[in-house]
């Protein structure tokens, strides 16, 4: 699974011209599910997103988690995070999980975020809906997180 987490001053989702979800300060999290991802991946990814310390403290340093900063999360399903652009100009989506596999894992991710942060602190888009997503990036701060974590490439120390 992948999450593209963006620290925002505000975010919103509209479907068919009607706003269905909105947050102020917090994270907009775009979540993609890959074929073969597991419930454990979804739980781990949610815990990583909720615990990530990229909110600013009183000294202006990225040192606080979302809960510590009193922020909210807007979670949006995003299969295009698994676009393969290595060949040609039209992306392929062969790695993305089909909807019947992705929807339950997106639900697990969303549920775990609500458990960690509180029901009122997490809102979402609608799975498979055509959405307009408004993101006012703060910083800008954008972080890509992948699970399982152990599959991420390691950077070499210099």
N, C-alpha and C. Protein backbone atom coordinates (compact mmCIF):
# COMPACT_ATOMS: atom_id res chain seq x y z
N UNK A 1 0.85 -1.18 0.00
CA UNK A 1 0.00 0.00 0.00
C UNK A 1 0.88 1.22 0.00
N UNK A 2 0.34 2.29 -0.51
CA UNK A 2 1.01 3.58 -0.55
C UNK A 2 0.08 4.66 -0.04
N UNK A 3 0.70 5.64 0.63
CA UNK A 3 -0.03 6.83 1.03
C UNK A 3 0.81 8.03 0.64
N UNK A 4 0.19 8.97 -0.02
CA UNK A 4 0.82 10.25 -0.29
C UNK A 4 0.18 11.23 0.68
N UNK A 5 0.95 11.60 1.69
CA UNK A 5 0.44 12.42 2.79
C UNK A 5 0.88 13.86 2.56
N UNK A 6 -0.08 14.76 2.61
CA UNK A 6 0.21 16.18 2.43
C UNK A 6 -0.28 16.96 3.64
N UNK A 7 0.62 17.71 4.24
CA UNK A 7 0.22 18.57 5.35
C UNK A 7 -0.51 19.76 4.74
N UNK A 8 -1.69 20.06 5.29
CA UNK A 8 -2.54 21.08 4.68
C UNK A 8 -3.03 22.09 5.71
N UNK A 9 -3.35 23.26 5.23
CA UNK A 9 -4.07 24.23 6.07
C UNK A 9 -5.57 24.00 5.92
N UNK A 10 -5.97 23.37 4.79
CA UNK A 10 -7.35 22.95 4.60
C UNK A 10 -7.43 21.98 3.43
N UNK A 11 -8.47 21.16 3.46
CA UNK A 11 -8.72 20.21 2.38
C UNK A 11 -10.21 19.92 2.31
N UNK A 12 -10.67 19.55 1.12
CA UNK A 12 -12.09 19.25 0.95
C UNK A 12 -12.29 18.31 -0.24
N UNK A 13 -13.39 17.58 -0.22
CA UNK A 13 -13.79 16.71 -1.31
C UNK A 13 -15.20 17.10 -1.74
N UNK A 14 -15.39 17.19 -3.04
CA UNK A 14 -16.72 17.41 -3.61
C UNK A 14 -17.02 16.30 -4.59
N UNK A 15 -18.27 15.86 -4.59
CA UNK A 15 -18.75 14.85 -5.52
C UNK A 15 -19.97 15.43 -6.22
N UNK A 16 -19.93 15.44 -7.54
CA UNK A 16 -21.01 16.00 -8.36
C UNK A 16 -21.34 17.43 -7.94
N UNK A 17 -20.29 18.20 -7.64
CA UNK A 17 -20.46 19.62 -7.30
C UNK A 17 -20.87 19.90 -5.87
N UNK A 18 -21.06 18.85 -5.06
CA UNK A 18 -21.48 19.04 -3.66
C UNK A 18 -20.34 18.64 -2.73
N UNK A 19 -19.98 19.56 -1.84
CA UNK A 19 -18.92 19.25 -0.88
C UNK A 19 -19.41 18.19 0.09
N UNK A 20 -18.62 17.12 0.22
CA UNK A 20 -19.03 16.00 1.08
C UNK A 20 -18.12 15.83 2.29
N UNK A 21 -16.93 16.43 2.27
CA UNK A 21 -16.00 16.32 3.40
C UNK A 21 -15.07 17.52 3.39
N UNK A 22 -14.70 17.97 4.60
CA UNK A 22 -13.81 19.13 4.72
C UNK A 22 -13.02 19.03 6.02
N UNK A 23 -11.76 19.47 5.96
CA UNK A 23 -10.95 19.61 7.16
C UNK A 23 -10.24 20.95 7.13
N UNK A 24 -9.78 21.36 8.29
CA UNK A 24 -8.89 22.50 8.40
C UNK A 24 -7.46 21.97 8.47
N UNK A 25 -6.70 22.42 9.43
CA UNK A 25 -5.31 22.01 9.60
C UNK A 25 -5.21 20.49 9.77
N UNK A 26 -4.29 19.89 9.02
CA UNK A 26 -4.10 18.45 9.15
C UNK A 26 -3.42 17.85 7.96
N UNK A 27 -3.86 16.64 7.60
CA UNK A 27 -3.30 15.90 6.48
C UNK A 27 -4.39 15.53 5.49
N UNK A 28 -4.10 15.68 4.21
CA UNK A 28 -4.86 15.00 3.17
C UNK A 28 -4.02 13.79 2.81
N UNK A 29 -4.62 12.61 2.91
CA UNK A 29 -3.89 11.37 2.66
C UNK A 29 -4.53 10.65 1.49
N UNK A 30 -3.77 10.54 0.40
CA UNK A 30 -4.22 9.79 -0.78
C UNK A 30 -3.70 8.37 -0.61
N UNK A 31 -4.59 7.38 -0.67
CA UNK A 31 -4.23 5.99 -0.36
C UNK A 31 -4.43 5.11 -1.59
N UNK A 32 -3.36 4.38 -1.96
CA UNK A 32 -3.43 3.42 -3.05
C UNK A 32 -3.18 2.02 -2.54
N UNK A 33 -3.90 1.06 -3.11
CA UNK A 33 -3.77 -0.34 -2.71
C UNK A 33 -3.23 -1.12 -3.90
N UNK A 34 -2.19 -1.92 -3.63
CA UNK A 34 -1.56 -2.74 -4.67
C UNK A 34 -2.06 -4.18 -4.54
N UNK A 35 -2.08 -4.89 -5.66
CA UNK A 35 -2.45 -6.31 -5.64
C UNK A 35 -1.59 -7.03 -4.61
N UNK A 36 -2.24 -7.86 -3.79
CA UNK A 36 -1.52 -8.64 -2.80
C UNK A 36 -1.33 -7.96 -1.46
N UNK A 37 -1.73 -6.70 -1.33
CA UNK A 37 -1.63 -6.03 -0.04
C UNK A 37 -2.53 -6.73 0.97
N UNK A 38 -2.19 -6.58 2.25
CA UNK A 38 -2.89 -7.31 3.31
C UNK A 38 -3.51 -6.35 4.32
N UNK A 39 -4.32 -6.92 5.17
CA UNK A 39 -4.90 -6.17 6.29
C UNK A 39 -3.80 -5.60 7.17
N UNK A 40 -2.76 -6.38 7.39
CA UNK A 40 -1.63 -5.91 8.21
C UNK A 40 -0.96 -4.70 7.57
N UNK A 41 -0.85 -4.70 6.23
CA UNK A 41 -0.28 -3.54 5.53
C UNK A 41 -1.14 -2.30 5.77
N UNK A 42 -2.45 -2.47 5.69
CA UNK A 42 -3.37 -1.34 5.89
C UNK A 42 -3.26 -0.79 7.31
N UNK A 43 -3.20 -1.68 8.29
CA UNK A 43 -3.07 -1.24 9.69
C UNK A 43 -1.75 -0.53 9.92
N UNK A 44 -0.68 -1.11 9.40
CA UNK A 44 0.65 -0.53 9.56
C UNK A 44 0.74 0.85 8.90
N UNK A 45 0.19 0.96 7.71
CA UNK A 45 0.22 2.24 6.99
C UNK A 45 -0.56 3.31 7.75
N UNK A 46 -1.72 2.95 8.28
CA UNK A 46 -2.51 3.91 9.05
C UNK A 46 -1.74 4.36 10.29
N UNK A 47 -1.12 3.43 10.97
CA UNK A 47 -0.36 3.78 12.17
C UNK A 47 0.82 4.69 11.84
N UNK A 48 1.47 4.42 10.72
CA UNK A 48 2.59 5.27 10.29
C UNK A 48 2.10 6.67 9.95
N UNK A 49 1.00 6.77 9.22
CA UNK A 49 0.45 8.08 8.86
C UNK A 49 0.03 8.86 10.10
N UNK A 50 -0.68 8.21 11.00
CA UNK A 50 -1.16 8.89 12.20
C UNK A 50 -0.02 9.34 13.10
N UNK A 51 1.06 8.56 13.12
CA UNK A 51 2.17 8.88 14.01
C UNK A 51 3.25 9.75 13.40
N UNK A 52 3.17 9.98 12.09
CA UNK A 52 4.21 10.76 11.42
C UNK A 52 4.30 12.17 12.00
N UNK A 53 5.49 12.58 12.34
CA UNK A 53 5.68 13.88 13.01
C UNK A 53 6.14 14.93 12.00
N UNK A 54 5.19 15.46 11.25
CA UNK A 54 5.50 16.53 10.30
C UNK A 54 4.68 17.80 10.56
N UNK A 55 3.95 17.81 11.67
CA UNK A 55 3.24 19.03 12.08
C UNK A 55 4.23 19.88 12.89
N UNK A 56 4.12 21.18 12.75
CA UNK A 56 5.07 22.07 13.42
C UNK A 56 4.75 22.26 14.89
N UNK A 57 5.82 22.31 15.69
CA UNK A 57 5.68 22.63 17.11
C UNK A 57 5.77 24.15 17.28
N UNK A 58 5.76 24.62 18.51
CA UNK A 58 5.81 26.06 18.78
C UNK A 58 7.08 26.71 18.26
N UNK A 59 8.15 25.92 18.09
CA UNK A 59 9.40 26.45 17.58
C UNK A 59 9.51 26.40 16.07
N UNK A 60 8.43 25.96 15.38
CA UNK A 60 8.44 25.91 13.92
C UNK A 60 9.10 24.66 13.35
N UNK A 61 9.43 23.68 14.20
CA UNK A 61 10.05 22.45 13.72
C UNK A 61 9.00 21.38 13.49
N UNK A 62 9.22 20.54 12.48
CA UNK A 62 8.33 19.42 12.23
C UNK A 62 8.61 18.38 13.31
N UNK A 63 7.80 18.41 14.36
CA UNK A 63 8.09 17.60 15.54
C UNK A 63 6.85 16.97 16.16
N UNK A 64 5.65 17.29 15.64
CA UNK A 64 4.41 16.81 16.25
C UNK A 64 3.66 15.88 15.31
N UNK A 65 3.00 14.90 15.91
CA UNK A 65 2.09 14.05 15.15
C UNK A 65 0.79 14.82 14.93
N UNK A 66 -0.07 14.25 14.14
CA UNK A 66 -1.36 14.88 13.86
C UNK A 66 -2.18 15.05 15.14
N UNK A 67 -2.23 14.02 15.96
CA UNK A 67 -2.99 14.09 17.22
C UNK A 67 -2.40 15.14 18.15
N UNK A 68 -1.08 15.19 18.26
CA UNK A 68 -0.43 16.16 19.13
C UNK A 68 -0.73 17.59 18.70
N UNK A 69 -0.88 17.80 17.40
CA UNK A 69 -1.15 19.14 16.87
C UNK A 69 -2.64 19.46 16.83
N UNK A 70 -3.48 18.50 17.17
CA UNK A 70 -4.93 18.73 17.14
C UNK A 70 -5.50 18.81 15.74
N UNK A 71 -4.83 18.18 14.77
CA UNK A 71 -5.27 18.25 13.38
C UNK A 71 -6.24 17.14 13.02
N UNK A 72 -6.71 17.20 11.77
CA UNK A 72 -7.65 16.23 11.22
C UNK A 72 -7.06 15.59 9.98
N UNK A 73 -7.68 14.52 9.52
CA UNK A 73 -7.24 13.84 8.30
C UNK A 73 -8.40 13.69 7.33
N UNK A 74 -8.13 13.97 6.07
CA UNK A 74 -9.04 13.71 4.96
C UNK A 74 -8.39 12.61 4.14
N UNK A 75 -9.05 11.45 4.07
CA UNK A 75 -8.51 10.28 3.40
C UNK A 75 -9.26 10.05 2.09
N UNK A 76 -8.49 9.87 1.00
CA UNK A 76 -9.07 9.71 -0.32
C UNK A 76 -8.43 8.51 -1.02
N UNK A 77 -9.25 7.60 -1.54
CA UNK A 77 -8.71 6.46 -2.29
C UNK A 77 -8.13 6.96 -3.61
N UNK A 78 -7.00 6.37 -4.02
CA UNK A 78 -6.28 6.90 -5.18
C UNK A 78 -5.51 5.77 -5.87
N UNK A 79 -6.19 4.98 -6.71
CA UNK A 79 -5.51 3.86 -7.37
C UNK A 79 -4.39 4.34 -8.27
N UNK A 80 -4.43 5.58 -8.73
CA UNK A 80 -3.40 6.08 -9.65
C UNK A 80 -2.03 6.22 -8.99
N UNK A 81 -1.95 6.04 -7.67
CA UNK A 81 -0.64 6.03 -7.01
C UNK A 81 0.20 4.85 -7.49
N UNK A 82 -0.44 3.87 -8.11
CA UNK A 82 0.29 2.72 -8.65
C UNK A 82 0.43 2.79 -10.18
N UNK A 83 0.45 4.00 -10.71
CA UNK A 83 0.68 4.17 -12.14
C UNK A 83 2.09 3.73 -12.50
N UNK A 84 2.21 2.97 -13.57
CA UNK A 84 3.50 2.57 -14.10
C UNK A 84 3.76 3.41 -15.34
N UNK A 85 4.76 4.27 -15.26
CA UNK A 85 5.06 5.20 -16.36
C UNK A 85 6.40 4.88 -17.03
N UNK A 86 6.91 3.68 -16.81
CA UNK A 86 8.24 3.34 -17.35
C UNK A 86 8.26 3.24 -18.86
N UNK A 87 7.15 2.86 -19.48
CA UNK A 87 7.11 2.70 -20.93
C UNK A 87 6.03 3.58 -21.52
N UNK A 88 6.36 4.28 -22.56
CA UNK A 88 5.39 5.10 -23.27
C UNK A 88 4.88 6.27 -22.45
N UNK A 89 3.81 6.87 -22.94
CA UNK A 89 3.25 8.05 -22.30
C UNK A 89 1.91 7.82 -21.64
N UNK A 90 1.38 6.63 -21.79
CA UNK A 90 0.11 6.30 -21.14
C UNK A 90 0.41 5.38 -19.97
N UNK A 91 0.08 5.81 -18.75
CA UNK A 91 0.41 4.96 -17.59
C UNK A 91 -0.41 3.67 -17.58
N UNK A 92 0.22 2.64 -17.06
CA UNK A 92 -0.46 1.37 -16.84
C UNK A 92 -0.81 1.26 -15.36
N UNK A 93 -1.85 0.53 -15.05
CA UNK A 93 -2.29 0.39 -13.66
C UNK A 93 -2.38 -1.07 -13.24
N UNK A 94 -1.53 -1.91 -13.84
CA UNK A 94 -1.54 -3.33 -13.58
C UNK A 94 -1.20 -3.71 -12.14
N UNK A 95 -0.46 -2.86 -11.42
CA UNK A 95 -0.12 -3.15 -10.03
C UNK A 95 -1.25 -2.80 -9.06
N UNK A 96 -2.14 -1.91 -9.48
CA UNK A 96 -3.23 -1.48 -8.59
C UNK A 96 -4.19 -2.63 -8.35
N UNK A 97 -4.62 -2.77 -7.11
CA UNK A 97 -5.58 -3.82 -6.76
C UNK A 97 -6.93 -3.52 -7.39
N UNK A 98 -7.65 -4.54 -7.82
CA UNK A 98 -9.00 -4.31 -8.34
C UNK A 98 -9.90 -3.83 -7.20
N UNK A 99 -11.00 -3.15 -7.54
CA UNK A 99 -11.86 -2.55 -6.52
C UNK A 99 -12.32 -3.53 -5.44
N UNK A 100 -12.65 -4.77 -5.81
CA UNK A 100 -13.14 -5.72 -4.81
C UNK A 100 -12.06 -6.11 -3.80
N UNK A 101 -10.80 -5.95 -4.15
CA UNK A 101 -9.68 -6.20 -3.24
C UNK A 101 -9.30 -4.92 -2.50
N UNK A 102 -9.33 -3.80 -3.20
CA UNK A 102 -8.89 -2.53 -2.63
C UNK A 102 -9.88 -1.95 -1.63
N UNK A 103 -11.17 -2.03 -1.90
CA UNK A 103 -12.17 -1.39 -1.04
C UNK A 103 -12.10 -1.86 0.42
N UNK A 104 -12.01 -3.17 0.68
CA UNK A 104 -11.93 -3.58 2.09
C UNK A 104 -10.66 -3.06 2.78
N UNK A 105 -9.54 -3.03 2.07
CA UNK A 105 -8.29 -2.57 2.68
C UNK A 105 -8.31 -1.06 2.91
N UNK A 106 -8.92 -0.34 2.00
CA UNK A 106 -9.12 1.10 2.20
C UNK A 106 -9.97 1.31 3.45
N UNK A 107 -11.00 0.48 3.62
CA UNK A 107 -11.85 0.55 4.81
C UNK A 107 -11.08 0.24 6.09
N UNK A 108 -10.19 -0.72 6.04
CA UNK A 108 -9.36 -1.05 7.21
C UNK A 108 -8.48 0.14 7.56
N UNK A 109 -7.84 0.73 6.55
CA UNK A 109 -7.00 1.91 6.77
C UNK A 109 -7.81 3.03 7.42
N UNK A 110 -8.95 3.32 6.85
CA UNK A 110 -9.81 4.40 7.35
C UNK A 110 -10.27 4.12 8.78
N UNK A 111 -10.68 2.89 9.04
CA UNK A 111 -11.12 2.51 10.38
C UNK A 111 -10.02 2.66 11.41
N UNK A 112 -8.80 2.25 11.05
CA UNK A 112 -7.69 2.36 12.00
C UNK A 112 -7.34 3.81 12.26
N UNK A 113 -7.39 4.64 11.24
CA UNK A 113 -7.14 6.08 11.43
C UNK A 113 -8.15 6.66 12.42
N UNK A 114 -9.41 6.25 12.29
CA UNK A 114 -10.45 6.74 13.20
C UNK A 114 -10.24 6.23 14.62
N UNK A 115 -9.77 4.99 14.76
CA UNK A 115 -9.46 4.46 16.09
C UNK A 115 -8.36 5.27 16.76
N UNK A 116 -7.33 5.60 16.00
CA UNK A 116 -6.17 6.29 16.55
C UNK A 116 -6.48 7.76 16.85
N UNK A 117 -7.10 8.44 15.89
CA UNK A 117 -7.28 9.90 16.00
C UNK A 117 -8.63 10.31 16.58
N UNK A 118 -9.61 9.41 16.51
CA UNK A 118 -10.95 9.74 16.94
C UNK A 118 -11.86 9.90 15.74
N UNK A 119 -13.07 9.41 15.89
CA UNK A 119 -14.06 9.41 14.80
C UNK A 119 -14.25 10.80 14.18
N UNK A 120 -14.31 11.84 15.00
CA UNK A 120 -14.55 13.19 14.51
C UNK A 120 -13.37 13.85 13.84
N UNK A 121 -12.20 13.22 13.89
CA UNK A 121 -10.98 13.81 13.33
C UNK A 121 -10.62 13.25 11.96
N UNK A 122 -11.39 12.29 11.46
CA UNK A 122 -11.08 11.65 10.19
C UNK A 122 -12.32 11.66 9.30
N UNK A 123 -12.18 12.22 8.11
CA UNK A 123 -13.25 12.21 7.11
C UNK A 123 -12.67 11.60 5.84
N UNK A 124 -13.53 11.28 4.89
CA UNK A 124 -13.03 10.63 3.69
C UNK A 124 -13.81 11.02 2.45
N UNK A 125 -13.18 10.70 1.33
CA UNK A 125 -13.88 10.76 0.07
C UNK A 125 -14.72 9.50 -0.05
N UNK A 126 -15.22 9.25 -1.24
CA UNK A 126 -16.05 8.06 -1.48
C UNK A 126 -15.30 7.14 -2.43
N UNK A 127 -15.12 5.90 -2.02
CA UNK A 127 -14.38 4.93 -2.83
C UNK A 127 -15.00 4.81 -4.22
N UNK A 128 -14.18 4.90 -5.25
CA UNK A 128 -14.54 4.79 -6.67
C UNK A 128 -15.34 5.95 -7.22
N UNK A 129 -15.59 6.98 -6.44
CA UNK A 129 -16.34 8.13 -6.96
C UNK A 129 -15.40 9.07 -7.70
N UNK A 130 -15.95 9.79 -8.67
CA UNK A 130 -15.21 10.85 -9.33
C UNK A 130 -15.30 12.05 -8.40
N UNK A 131 -14.16 12.48 -7.87
CA UNK A 131 -14.14 13.52 -6.85
C UNK A 131 -13.31 14.71 -7.30
N UNK A 132 -13.68 15.86 -6.81
CA UNK A 132 -12.82 17.04 -6.87
C UNK A 132 -12.22 17.17 -5.48
N UNK A 133 -10.90 17.18 -5.43
CA UNK A 133 -10.21 17.25 -4.14
C UNK A 133 -9.48 18.59 -4.07
N UNK A 134 -9.81 19.34 -3.05
CA UNK A 134 -9.17 20.64 -2.83
C UNK A 134 -8.11 20.45 -1.75
N UNK A 135 -6.87 20.78 -2.10
CA UNK A 135 -5.75 20.62 -1.18
C UNK A 135 -5.00 21.94 -1.11
N UNK A 136 -4.94 22.52 0.08
CA UNK A 136 -4.12 23.71 0.29
C UNK A 136 -2.92 23.25 1.09
N UNK A 137 -1.86 22.89 0.35
CA UNK A 137 -0.66 22.31 0.94
C UNK A 137 0.02 23.35 1.83
N UNK A 138 0.44 22.90 3.00
CA UNK A 138 1.06 23.77 4.00
C UNK A 138 2.55 23.46 4.07
N UNK A 139 3.38 24.36 3.63
CA UNK A 139 4.82 24.17 3.69
C UNK A 139 5.50 24.50 2.38
N UNK A 140 5.32 23.76 1.34
CA UNK A 140 4.56 22.52 1.25
C UNK A 140 5.31 21.34 1.87
N UNK A 141 4.54 20.44 2.46
CA UNK A 141 5.08 19.21 3.02
C UNK A 141 4.30 18.06 2.40
N UNK A 142 4.99 17.20 1.66
CA UNK A 142 4.39 16.04 1.02
C UNK A 142 5.31 14.85 1.24
N UNK A 143 4.77 13.74 1.78
CA UNK A 143 5.57 12.58 2.12
C UNK A 143 4.92 11.33 1.53
N UNK A 144 5.73 10.50 0.86
CA UNK A 144 5.26 9.23 0.33
C UNK A 144 5.63 8.13 1.32
N UNK A 145 4.63 7.34 1.73
CA UNK A 145 4.84 6.25 2.68
C UNK A 145 4.37 4.96 2.02
N UNK A 146 5.17 3.91 2.14
CA UNK A 146 4.79 2.63 1.57
C UNK A 146 4.83 1.53 2.62
N UNK A 147 3.91 0.59 2.51
CA UNK A 147 3.89 -0.59 3.36
C UNK A 147 3.76 -1.80 2.45
N UNK A 148 4.39 -2.89 2.74
CA UNK A 148 5.12 -3.07 3.98
C UNK A 148 6.38 -2.20 4.00
N UNK A 149 6.65 -1.64 5.16
CA UNK A 149 7.78 -0.74 5.35
C UNK A 149 9.09 -1.42 4.95
N UNK A 150 9.22 -2.72 5.25
CA UNK A 150 10.48 -3.41 4.98
C UNK A 150 10.79 -3.53 3.50
N UNK A 151 9.83 -3.25 2.62
CA UNK A 151 10.08 -3.30 1.18
C UNK A 151 10.60 -1.98 0.62
N UNK A 152 10.68 -0.94 1.45
CA UNK A 152 11.17 0.34 0.96
C UNK A 152 12.68 0.25 0.73
N UNK A 153 13.16 0.90 -0.34
CA UNK A 153 14.61 0.92 -0.53
C UNK A 153 15.26 1.71 0.59
N UNK A 154 16.44 1.29 0.98
CA UNK A 154 17.17 1.99 2.03
C UNK A 154 18.15 2.95 1.41
N UNK A 155 18.23 4.14 1.97
CA UNK A 155 19.21 5.10 1.48
C UNK A 155 20.57 4.76 2.09
N UNK A 156 21.61 5.04 1.36
CA UNK A 156 22.95 4.75 1.83
C UNK A 156 23.46 5.95 2.63
N UNK A 157 24.17 5.66 3.70
CA UNK A 157 24.76 6.73 4.51
C UNK A 157 25.97 7.26 3.77
N UNK A 158 26.15 8.58 3.89
CA UNK A 158 27.32 9.19 3.25
C UNK A 158 28.30 9.66 4.27
